[in-house]
N, C-alpha and C. Protein backbone atom coordinates (compact mmCIF):
# COMPACT_ATOMS: atom_id res chain seq x y z
N MET A 1 -68.63 -52.68 -32.83
CA MET A 1 -69.43 -51.42 -32.79
C MET A 1 -68.92 -50.38 -33.82
N ASP A 2 -69.71 -49.71 -34.46
CA ASP A 2 -69.41 -48.61 -35.43
C ASP A 2 -68.65 -47.56 -34.71
N PRO A 3 -67.41 -47.17 -35.00
CA PRO A 3 -66.72 -46.13 -34.16
C PRO A 3 -67.41 -44.84 -34.39
N ASN A 4 -68.15 -44.63 -35.43
CA ASN A 4 -68.71 -43.33 -35.64
C ASN A 4 -70.15 -43.21 -34.81
N LYS A 5 -70.27 -44.33 -34.15
CA LYS A 5 -71.57 -44.31 -33.21
C LYS A 5 -71.13 -44.24 -31.72
N ILE A 6 -69.91 -43.75 -31.52
CA ILE A 6 -69.36 -43.42 -30.12
C ILE A 6 -69.34 -41.91 -29.90
N THR A 7 -70.16 -41.42 -29.13
CA THR A 7 -70.05 -40.00 -28.90
C THR A 7 -69.11 -39.62 -27.72
N THR A 8 -69.05 -40.42 -26.60
CA THR A 8 -68.28 -40.22 -25.53
C THR A 8 -68.33 -41.42 -24.62
N GLY A 9 -67.35 -41.43 -23.64
CA GLY A 9 -67.35 -42.45 -22.59
C GLY A 9 -68.07 -41.78 -21.32
N VAL A 10 -68.69 -42.72 -20.60
CA VAL A 10 -69.42 -42.24 -19.40
C VAL A 10 -69.03 -43.05 -18.27
N TYR A 11 -69.16 -42.45 -17.01
CA TYR A 11 -68.97 -43.16 -15.81
C TYR A 11 -70.44 -43.36 -15.29
N ILE A 12 -70.59 -44.52 -14.86
CA ILE A 12 -71.99 -44.92 -14.32
C ILE A 12 -71.97 -44.99 -12.85
N ASP A 13 -72.75 -44.03 -12.20
CA ASP A 13 -72.95 -44.04 -10.71
C ASP A 13 -73.67 -45.17 -10.16
N SER A 14 -73.66 -45.53 -8.99
CA SER A 14 -74.42 -46.49 -8.39
C SER A 14 -75.87 -46.46 -8.45
N ASP A 15 -76.32 -45.16 -8.58
CA ASP A 15 -77.77 -44.89 -8.78
C ASP A 15 -78.26 -45.06 -10.22
N GLY A 16 -77.29 -45.29 -11.17
CA GLY A 16 -77.55 -45.47 -12.61
C GLY A 16 -77.38 -44.16 -13.48
N SER A 17 -77.14 -43.01 -12.83
CA SER A 17 -76.84 -41.79 -13.55
C SER A 17 -75.41 -41.89 -14.27
N VAL A 18 -75.34 -41.15 -15.28
CA VAL A 18 -74.15 -41.28 -16.27
C VAL A 18 -73.56 -39.82 -16.22
N HIS A 19 -72.13 -39.82 -16.29
CA HIS A 19 -71.41 -38.63 -16.40
C HIS A 19 -70.42 -38.73 -17.40
N HIS A 20 -70.19 -37.75 -18.21
CA HIS A 20 -69.11 -37.67 -19.26
C HIS A 20 -67.83 -37.84 -18.67
N VAL A 21 -66.90 -38.73 -19.36
CA VAL A 21 -65.42 -38.76 -19.04
C VAL A 21 -64.74 -38.51 -20.39
N PRO A 22 -63.70 -37.76 -20.38
CA PRO A 22 -62.86 -37.48 -21.70
C PRO A 22 -62.63 -38.92 -22.29
N THR A 23 -62.90 -38.92 -23.58
CA THR A 23 -62.76 -40.17 -24.38
C THR A 23 -62.23 -39.92 -25.85
N ASP A 24 -61.16 -40.81 -26.22
CA ASP A 24 -60.75 -40.82 -27.54
C ASP A 24 -61.00 -42.21 -28.20
N VAL A 25 -61.32 -42.20 -29.45
CA VAL A 25 -61.56 -43.49 -30.11
C VAL A 25 -60.23 -43.55 -30.96
N ILE A 26 -59.39 -44.74 -30.77
CA ILE A 26 -58.16 -44.81 -31.50
C ILE A 26 -58.22 -46.23 -32.24
N VAL A 27 -57.28 -46.28 -33.30
CA VAL A 27 -57.24 -47.47 -33.93
C VAL A 27 -55.94 -48.18 -33.60
N ILE A 28 -55.90 -49.45 -33.25
CA ILE A 28 -54.62 -50.17 -33.18
C ILE A 28 -54.70 -51.47 -33.84
N GLU A 29 -53.81 -51.69 -34.81
CA GLU A 29 -53.81 -52.75 -35.74
C GLU A 29 -55.18 -53.01 -36.35
N GLY A 30 -55.77 -52.03 -36.83
CA GLY A 30 -57.07 -52.11 -37.58
C GLY A 30 -58.29 -52.31 -36.59
N LYS A 31 -58.03 -52.25 -35.35
CA LYS A 31 -59.16 -52.38 -34.58
C LYS A 31 -59.48 -51.17 -33.69
N TYR A 32 -60.70 -50.84 -33.44
CA TYR A 32 -61.07 -49.63 -32.71
C TYR A 32 -61.07 -49.80 -31.26
N PHE A 33 -60.64 -48.84 -30.51
CA PHE A 33 -60.73 -48.99 -29.05
C PHE A 33 -61.13 -47.52 -28.45
N ALA A 34 -61.82 -47.51 -27.54
CA ALA A 34 -62.14 -46.28 -26.68
C ALA A 34 -61.32 -46.06 -25.56
N THR A 35 -60.41 -45.03 -25.55
CA THR A 35 -59.68 -44.79 -24.45
C THR A 35 -60.33 -43.63 -23.58
N ILE A 36 -60.65 -44.17 -22.34
CA ILE A 36 -61.44 -43.37 -21.40
C ILE A 36 -60.53 -42.82 -20.34
N ASN A 37 -60.40 -41.58 -20.19
CA ASN A 37 -59.43 -40.93 -19.25
C ASN A 37 -60.25 -40.51 -17.96
N SER A 38 -59.88 -41.20 -16.85
CA SER A 38 -60.55 -40.91 -15.58
C SER A 38 -59.58 -40.94 -14.48
N LEU A 39 -59.90 -40.17 -13.50
CA LEU A 39 -59.09 -40.29 -12.36
C LEU A 39 -59.45 -41.36 -11.16
N SER A 40 -60.46 -42.02 -11.43
CA SER A 40 -61.12 -43.03 -10.50
C SER A 40 -61.45 -44.20 -11.19
N GLY A 41 -61.58 -45.30 -10.42
CA GLY A 41 -62.06 -46.52 -11.03
C GLY A 41 -63.56 -46.59 -10.85
N GLY A 42 -64.18 -47.64 -11.57
CA GLY A 42 -65.65 -47.74 -11.49
C GLY A 42 -66.21 -48.45 -12.66
N THR A 43 -67.47 -48.23 -13.00
CA THR A 43 -68.07 -48.72 -14.15
C THR A 43 -68.26 -47.70 -15.31
N TYR A 44 -67.74 -48.05 -16.43
CA TYR A 44 -67.64 -47.22 -17.54
C TYR A 44 -68.30 -47.80 -18.77
N SER A 45 -68.74 -46.93 -19.69
CA SER A 45 -69.38 -47.45 -20.92
C SER A 45 -69.15 -46.40 -22.04
N VAL A 46 -69.28 -46.68 -23.21
CA VAL A 46 -69.31 -45.78 -24.34
C VAL A 46 -70.86 -45.64 -24.71
N ILE A 47 -71.15 -44.38 -25.23
CA ILE A 47 -72.54 -44.04 -25.66
C ILE A 47 -72.54 -43.35 -26.97
N TRP A 48 -73.72 -43.49 -27.64
CA TRP A 48 -73.93 -42.66 -28.84
C TRP A 48 -75.09 -41.85 -28.46
N HIS A 49 -74.89 -40.56 -28.36
CA HIS A 49 -75.85 -39.49 -27.83
C HIS A 49 -75.85 -38.43 -28.72
N PRO A 50 -76.21 -38.42 -30.00
CA PRO A 50 -76.26 -37.19 -30.80
C PRO A 50 -77.30 -36.14 -30.33
N LEU A 51 -76.96 -34.86 -30.23
CA LEU A 51 -77.79 -33.93 -29.83
C LEU A 51 -77.56 -32.62 -30.54
N GLU A 52 -78.55 -32.00 -30.98
CA GLU A 52 -78.60 -30.72 -31.72
C GLU A 52 -79.60 -29.72 -31.04
N PHE A 53 -79.03 -28.60 -30.67
CA PHE A 53 -79.76 -27.54 -30.02
C PHE A 53 -80.38 -26.63 -31.19
N SER A 54 -81.66 -26.51 -31.25
CA SER A 54 -82.40 -25.85 -32.38
C SER A 54 -81.96 -24.44 -32.57
N ASP A 55 -81.61 -23.77 -31.50
CA ASP A 55 -81.28 -22.26 -31.56
C ASP A 55 -79.75 -22.01 -31.98
N VAL A 56 -78.99 -23.06 -32.18
CA VAL A 56 -77.58 -22.80 -32.70
C VAL A 56 -77.36 -23.22 -34.19
N ALA A 57 -78.53 -23.50 -34.88
CA ALA A 57 -78.47 -24.09 -36.25
C ALA A 57 -77.57 -23.19 -37.18
N ASN A 58 -77.62 -21.89 -36.97
CA ASN A 58 -76.93 -20.88 -37.73
C ASN A 58 -75.88 -20.09 -36.93
N HIS A 59 -75.56 -20.53 -35.78
CA HIS A 59 -74.68 -19.91 -34.92
C HIS A 59 -73.20 -20.30 -35.23
N TRP A 60 -72.31 -19.44 -34.99
CA TRP A 60 -70.82 -19.72 -35.30
C TRP A 60 -70.33 -20.82 -34.47
N ALA A 61 -70.90 -21.04 -33.29
CA ALA A 61 -70.46 -22.14 -32.33
C ALA A 61 -71.18 -23.45 -32.42
N LYS A 62 -72.02 -23.57 -33.45
CA LYS A 62 -72.87 -24.75 -33.65
C LYS A 62 -72.24 -26.05 -33.28
N GLU A 63 -71.10 -26.34 -34.01
CA GLU A 63 -70.56 -27.69 -33.90
C GLU A 63 -69.93 -27.95 -32.47
N ALA A 64 -69.36 -26.84 -31.82
CA ALA A 64 -68.82 -27.06 -30.46
C ALA A 64 -69.99 -27.17 -29.55
N VAL A 65 -70.97 -26.45 -29.65
CA VAL A 65 -72.19 -26.48 -28.75
C VAL A 65 -72.83 -27.84 -28.71
N ASN A 66 -73.13 -28.37 -30.00
CA ASN A 66 -73.76 -29.59 -30.11
C ASN A 66 -72.94 -30.77 -29.73
N ASP A 67 -71.58 -30.63 -29.93
CA ASP A 67 -70.72 -31.67 -29.49
C ASP A 67 -70.63 -31.87 -27.99
N MET A 68 -70.52 -30.66 -27.27
CA MET A 68 -70.53 -30.69 -25.84
C MET A 68 -71.88 -31.07 -25.33
N GLY A 69 -72.98 -30.78 -25.88
CA GLY A 69 -74.36 -31.29 -25.50
C GLY A 69 -74.34 -32.87 -25.67
N SER A 70 -73.90 -33.33 -26.80
CA SER A 70 -73.95 -34.78 -27.09
C SER A 70 -72.95 -35.57 -25.99
N ARG A 71 -71.94 -34.88 -25.63
CA ARG A 71 -70.99 -35.52 -24.67
C ARG A 71 -71.48 -35.29 -23.25
N LEU A 72 -72.59 -34.74 -22.97
CA LEU A 72 -73.15 -34.57 -21.61
C LEU A 72 -72.32 -33.52 -20.81
N VAL A 73 -71.71 -32.62 -21.54
CA VAL A 73 -70.93 -31.49 -20.71
C VAL A 73 -71.82 -30.37 -20.46
N ILE A 74 -72.71 -30.00 -21.52
CA ILE A 74 -73.73 -28.90 -21.18
C ILE A 74 -75.08 -29.50 -21.44
N GLU A 75 -76.04 -28.83 -20.84
CA GLU A 75 -77.43 -29.22 -20.89
C GLU A 75 -78.40 -28.34 -21.72
N GLY A 76 -78.00 -27.16 -21.88
CA GLY A 76 -78.81 -26.15 -22.53
C GLY A 76 -79.82 -25.49 -21.46
N THR A 77 -80.81 -24.81 -22.16
CA THR A 77 -81.72 -24.04 -21.26
C THR A 77 -83.06 -24.44 -21.31
N GLY A 78 -83.32 -25.58 -21.89
CA GLY A 78 -84.59 -26.23 -21.94
C GLY A 78 -85.26 -26.30 -23.28
N ARG A 79 -86.09 -27.14 -23.55
CA ARG A 79 -86.89 -27.30 -24.82
C ARG A 79 -85.97 -27.40 -26.09
N GLY A 80 -85.03 -28.02 -25.92
CA GLY A 80 -83.91 -28.15 -27.07
C GLY A 80 -83.18 -26.93 -27.55
N GLN A 81 -83.23 -25.93 -26.58
CA GLN A 81 -82.43 -24.64 -26.64
C GLN A 81 -81.18 -24.67 -25.97
N PHE A 82 -80.22 -23.84 -26.44
CA PHE A 82 -78.94 -23.58 -25.67
C PHE A 82 -78.89 -22.06 -25.31
N THR A 83 -79.43 -21.17 -26.07
CA THR A 83 -79.31 -19.79 -25.81
C THR A 83 -77.87 -19.45 -25.88
N PRO A 84 -77.37 -19.35 -27.05
CA PRO A 84 -75.78 -19.28 -27.28
C PRO A 84 -75.26 -17.91 -26.82
N ASP A 85 -76.12 -16.80 -26.86
CA ASP A 85 -75.48 -15.46 -26.62
C ASP A 85 -75.79 -14.94 -25.22
N GLN A 86 -76.36 -15.84 -24.36
CA GLN A 86 -76.61 -15.51 -22.93
C GLN A 86 -75.39 -15.72 -22.08
N ALA A 87 -75.08 -14.74 -21.32
CA ALA A 87 -73.97 -14.76 -20.41
C ALA A 87 -74.16 -15.95 -19.36
N ILE A 88 -72.96 -16.53 -18.91
CA ILE A 88 -73.20 -17.62 -17.88
C ILE A 88 -72.54 -17.12 -16.63
N THR A 89 -72.95 -17.75 -15.45
CA THR A 89 -72.36 -17.48 -14.26
C THR A 89 -71.23 -18.30 -13.84
N ARG A 90 -70.53 -17.95 -12.86
CA ARG A 90 -69.42 -18.71 -12.35
C ARG A 90 -69.81 -20.06 -12.05
N ALA A 91 -71.10 -20.30 -11.55
CA ALA A 91 -71.53 -21.68 -11.19
C ALA A 91 -71.68 -22.48 -12.47
N GLU A 92 -72.25 -21.94 -13.48
CA GLU A 92 -72.39 -22.65 -14.79
C GLU A 92 -71.07 -22.92 -15.46
N PHE A 93 -70.14 -21.99 -15.32
CA PHE A 93 -68.79 -22.22 -15.93
C PHE A 93 -68.22 -23.26 -15.10
N ALA A 94 -68.18 -23.27 -13.87
CA ALA A 94 -67.47 -24.37 -13.09
C ALA A 94 -68.14 -25.71 -13.40
N GLY A 95 -69.43 -25.71 -13.55
CA GLY A 95 -70.07 -27.03 -13.91
C GLY A 95 -69.63 -27.58 -15.25
N ILE A 96 -69.44 -26.66 -16.30
CA ILE A 96 -69.09 -27.03 -17.64
C ILE A 96 -67.55 -27.51 -17.55
N VAL A 97 -66.73 -26.87 -16.90
CA VAL A 97 -65.31 -27.25 -16.82
C VAL A 97 -65.16 -28.63 -16.14
N VAL A 98 -65.91 -28.81 -14.93
CA VAL A 98 -65.87 -29.99 -14.19
C VAL A 98 -66.37 -31.18 -14.95
N ARG A 99 -67.49 -30.90 -15.64
CA ARG A 99 -68.09 -32.05 -16.43
C ARG A 99 -67.21 -32.35 -17.54
N GLY A 100 -66.68 -31.26 -18.28
CA GLY A 100 -65.84 -31.56 -19.38
C GLY A 100 -64.52 -32.30 -19.08
N LEU A 101 -63.92 -32.21 -17.94
CA LEU A 101 -62.93 -32.84 -17.50
C LEU A 101 -63.15 -34.23 -16.92
N GLY A 102 -64.49 -34.46 -16.67
CA GLY A 102 -64.76 -35.81 -16.21
C GLY A 102 -64.53 -35.85 -14.68
N LEU A 103 -64.40 -34.81 -13.99
CA LEU A 103 -63.96 -34.94 -12.54
C LEU A 103 -65.23 -35.30 -11.67
N GLY A 104 -64.93 -36.23 -10.71
CA GLY A 104 -65.83 -36.59 -9.66
C GLY A 104 -66.08 -35.36 -8.72
N LEU A 105 -67.42 -35.17 -8.50
CA LEU A 105 -67.84 -34.00 -7.71
C LEU A 105 -67.47 -34.16 -6.20
N SER A 106 -67.02 -33.00 -5.67
CA SER A 106 -66.51 -32.94 -4.35
C SER A 106 -67.64 -32.53 -3.40
N GLN A 107 -68.02 -33.27 -2.42
CA GLN A 107 -69.09 -32.99 -1.48
C GLN A 107 -68.61 -32.30 -0.07
N THR A 108 -67.40 -31.74 -0.19
CA THR A 108 -66.87 -31.02 0.97
C THR A 108 -67.68 -29.77 1.35
N ALA A 109 -67.27 -29.19 2.39
CA ALA A 109 -67.84 -27.91 2.76
C ALA A 109 -67.33 -26.71 1.75
N THR A 110 -68.11 -25.82 1.45
CA THR A 110 -67.65 -24.89 0.48
C THR A 110 -66.81 -23.76 1.10
N PRO A 111 -65.83 -23.29 0.39
CA PRO A 111 -64.83 -22.30 0.95
C PRO A 111 -65.41 -20.82 0.76
N PHE A 112 -66.61 -20.78 0.03
CA PHE A 112 -67.12 -19.35 -0.35
C PHE A 112 -68.30 -19.13 0.44
N SER A 113 -68.39 -17.99 0.96
CA SER A 113 -69.52 -17.67 1.91
C SER A 113 -70.78 -17.47 1.15
N ASP A 114 -70.80 -17.22 -0.17
CA ASP A 114 -72.02 -17.01 -0.83
C ASP A 114 -72.52 -18.22 -1.61
N VAL A 115 -71.90 -19.45 -1.27
CA VAL A 115 -72.31 -20.77 -1.99
C VAL A 115 -72.81 -21.50 -0.65
N LYS A 116 -74.09 -21.83 -0.82
CA LYS A 116 -74.72 -22.76 0.24
C LYS A 116 -74.52 -24.17 -0.08
N THR A 117 -74.31 -25.09 0.87
CA THR A 117 -74.28 -26.49 0.56
C THR A 117 -75.59 -27.06 -0.14
N THR A 118 -76.47 -26.41 -0.09
CA THR A 118 -77.88 -26.87 -0.79
C THR A 118 -77.92 -26.27 -2.29
N ASP A 119 -77.01 -25.43 -2.68
CA ASP A 119 -77.18 -24.92 -3.97
C ASP A 119 -76.80 -25.95 -5.04
N TRP A 120 -77.45 -26.06 -6.14
CA TRP A 120 -77.17 -27.01 -7.24
C TRP A 120 -75.74 -27.12 -7.62
N TYR A 121 -75.10 -25.92 -7.60
CA TYR A 121 -73.73 -25.82 -8.10
C TYR A 121 -72.65 -26.01 -7.00
N ASN A 122 -73.03 -26.26 -5.82
CA ASN A 122 -72.07 -26.41 -4.61
C ASN A 122 -70.87 -27.34 -4.94
N SER A 123 -71.28 -28.57 -5.46
CA SER A 123 -70.29 -29.55 -5.77
C SER A 123 -69.32 -29.19 -6.92
N ALA A 124 -69.98 -28.59 -7.93
CA ALA A 124 -69.05 -28.27 -9.11
C ALA A 124 -68.05 -27.08 -8.70
N ILE A 125 -68.59 -26.13 -7.90
CA ILE A 125 -67.69 -25.08 -7.40
C ILE A 125 -66.61 -25.62 -6.53
N ASN A 126 -67.01 -26.53 -5.52
CA ASN A 126 -65.99 -27.06 -4.71
C ASN A 126 -64.97 -28.00 -5.44
N THR A 127 -65.47 -28.73 -6.51
CA THR A 127 -64.48 -29.46 -7.22
C THR A 127 -63.59 -28.64 -8.01
N ALA A 128 -64.05 -27.57 -8.66
CA ALA A 128 -63.23 -26.70 -9.51
C ALA A 128 -62.22 -26.09 -8.58
N TYR A 129 -62.58 -25.68 -7.26
CA TYR A 129 -61.69 -25.08 -6.33
C TYR A 129 -60.68 -26.12 -5.96
N ALA A 130 -61.07 -27.32 -5.65
CA ALA A 130 -60.07 -28.32 -5.13
C ALA A 130 -58.97 -28.62 -6.22
N TYR A 131 -59.51 -28.56 -7.48
CA TYR A 131 -58.41 -28.84 -8.56
C TYR A 131 -57.70 -27.55 -9.01
N GLN A 132 -57.96 -26.46 -8.31
CA GLN A 132 -57.32 -25.17 -8.53
C GLN A 132 -57.64 -24.58 -9.88
N LEU A 133 -58.84 -24.97 -10.35
CA LEU A 133 -59.37 -24.42 -11.79
C LEU A 133 -60.01 -22.95 -11.58
N ILE A 134 -60.58 -22.85 -10.33
CA ILE A 134 -60.97 -21.44 -9.90
C ILE A 134 -60.37 -21.11 -8.60
N ASN A 135 -60.25 -19.75 -8.38
CA ASN A 135 -59.79 -19.24 -7.03
C ASN A 135 -60.76 -18.22 -6.51
N ASP A 136 -60.37 -17.72 -5.37
CA ASP A 136 -61.25 -16.65 -4.76
C ASP A 136 -61.59 -15.49 -5.59
N GLU A 137 -60.70 -15.03 -6.43
CA GLU A 137 -60.97 -13.98 -7.32
C GLU A 137 -61.92 -14.30 -8.44
N ALA A 138 -61.57 -15.49 -9.13
CA ALA A 138 -62.41 -15.99 -10.14
C ALA A 138 -63.75 -16.27 -9.80
N ALA A 139 -64.06 -16.71 -8.63
CA ALA A 139 -65.25 -17.02 -8.03
C ALA A 139 -66.15 -15.88 -7.80
N MET A 140 -65.63 -14.68 -7.76
CA MET A 140 -66.31 -13.51 -7.35
C MET A 140 -66.92 -12.80 -8.63
N CYS A 141 -66.73 -13.23 -9.82
CA CYS A 141 -67.26 -12.50 -11.01
C CYS A 141 -68.12 -13.33 -11.89
N LEU A 142 -68.79 -12.71 -12.75
CA LEU A 142 -69.50 -13.45 -13.81
C LEU A 142 -68.57 -13.51 -14.98
N LEU A 143 -68.68 -14.59 -15.56
CA LEU A 143 -67.80 -14.90 -16.81
C LEU A 143 -68.52 -14.82 -18.19
N PRO A 144 -68.02 -14.23 -19.15
CA PRO A 144 -68.75 -14.22 -20.39
C PRO A 144 -68.81 -15.70 -20.97
N ARG A 145 -70.02 -15.81 -21.83
CA ARG A 145 -70.19 -17.12 -22.47
C ARG A 145 -68.97 -17.39 -23.32
N MET A 146 -68.39 -18.58 -23.01
CA MET A 146 -67.14 -19.09 -23.55
C MET A 146 -67.31 -19.70 -25.02
N ILE A 147 -68.44 -20.26 -25.26
CA ILE A 147 -68.69 -21.04 -26.49
C ILE A 147 -69.85 -20.38 -27.28
C-alpha cells in the first residue's frame, strides 16, 4: 500500500461504524508499517480519507482542520463547511478530545446534572471525565474554538 494513502487507523465497531485511533506510519528496514495506538483490542484497519472543508481554504488553520476532518476527529457543521471562527461548547470540545485520543466511549451515568443520558454528547463528556480530561469546573464553561 502507498504510505501516502494512509490517513489514519480506525477501530471498527460490531455495527460496522469506524472511529479514529491515533496512528503513525513508520519505516522499518525499508518497509512501511502503521502503528495504531489503542487502549483496547478489536478490529482495526487503516483508511485513506482525504477531506477538505470549503470554508477554511484561506483560513490560518486550514491544514490542521482538514487533517482532523480526514482523521474522523471533527465532522464540521454540514455541507462541506467547518465554520472555523464559531465558538464551540464543552460538549463539542469533549467530543474532539475523546475522538482525537481514540478513546472508547463510556456509557456510564453522567456526573453532571445538566447532561442527560439521552444527549448526543453524554458518552463523550463521561469519557473525558473518566480520563480526567475535564473536571466539574471545566464542564461548566464554554471554551473558545481551539483550532
